[in-house]
């Protein structure tokens, strides 16, 4: 099986990650941007960073096969 070129894989990962982030932002009953930026909620920022890393690892593992 042929592997994705690295540029195509990077674009695909970015699109899926943005889609997952948009989904989480719509599902939550509060604004992520307001909580992290204005209220400076450090705990939510750490959880959001862990979410991004986790989804990125899952997507990259799926692409690599």
Protein backbone atom coordinates (compact mmCIF):
# COMPACT_ATOMS: atom_id res chain seq x y z
CA UNK A 1 0.00 0.00 0.00
CA UNK A 2 1.26 3.42 -0.89
CA UNK A 3 1.76 5.96 1.88
CA UNK A 4 0.35 9.47 1.85
CA UNK A 5 2.79 12.22 0.96
CA UNK A 6 3.70 14.17 4.06
CA UNK A 7 2.05 17.40 2.87
CA UNK A 8 -1.25 15.67 2.16
CA UNK A 9 -1.13 13.91 5.52
CA UNK A 10 -0.43 17.18 7.31
CA UNK A 11 -3.37 18.90 5.63
CA UNK A 12 -5.65 15.97 6.39
CA UNK A 13 -4.60 15.93 10.06
CA UNK A 14 -5.15 19.69 10.35
CA UNK A 15 -8.63 19.48 8.79
CA UNK A 16 -9.76 16.61 10.99
CA UNK A 17 -8.33 18.30 14.07
CA UNK A 18 -10.14 21.55 13.27
CA UNK A 19 -13.35 19.60 12.70
CA UNK A 20 -12.99 17.84 16.06
CA UNK A 21 -12.29 21.14 17.78
CA UNK A 22 -15.34 22.76 16.16
CA UNK A 23 -17.48 19.81 17.24
CA UNK A 24 -16.31 20.05 20.85
CA UNK A 25 -16.83 23.82 20.82
CA UNK A 26 -20.45 23.38 19.67
CA UNK A 27 -21.25 20.56 22.11
CA UNK A 28 -20.00 22.29 25.26
CA UNK A 29 -22.49 24.55 27.06
CA UNK A 30 -19.89 27.32 27.48
CA UNK A 31 -17.50 29.19 25.21
CA UNK A 32 -14.01 27.68 25.17
CA UNK A 33 -12.45 30.87 23.86
CA UNK A 34 -14.03 33.00 26.57
CA UNK A 35 -13.05 30.61 29.34
CA UNK A 36 -9.43 30.29 28.25
CA UNK A 37 -8.75 33.82 26.97
CA UNK A 38 -10.85 36.13 29.15
CA UNK A 39 -11.29 34.12 32.35
CA UNK A 40 -7.79 32.57 32.07
CA UNK A 41 -8.98 29.10 33.02
CA UNK A 42 -5.66 27.22 33.16
CA UNK A 43 -7.24 23.83 33.85
CA UNK A 44 -9.40 24.07 30.74
CA UNK A 45 -6.36 25.11 28.72
CA UNK A 46 -4.46 22.02 29.88
CA UNK A 47 -7.42 19.77 29.05
CA UNK A 48 -7.77 21.41 25.64
CA UNK A 49 -4.06 20.86 24.95
CA UNK A 50 -4.35 17.20 25.95
CA UNK A 51 -7.38 16.85 23.67
CA UNK A 52 -5.46 18.28 20.73
CA UNK A 53 -2.48 16.00 21.35
CA UNK A 54 -4.70 12.94 21.76
CA UNK A 55 -6.68 13.53 18.58
CA UNK A 56 -3.46 14.27 16.67
CA UNK A 57 -1.89 11.00 17.81
CA UNK A 58 -4.99 9.02 16.87
CA UNK A 59 -5.18 10.60 13.42
CA UNK A 60 -1.48 10.16 12.70
CA UNK A 61 -1.63 6.51 13.78
CA UNK A 62 -4.59 5.93 11.50
CA UNK A 63 -2.81 7.49 8.56
CA UNK A 64 0.42 5.58 9.11
CA UNK A 65 -1.50 2.30 9.29
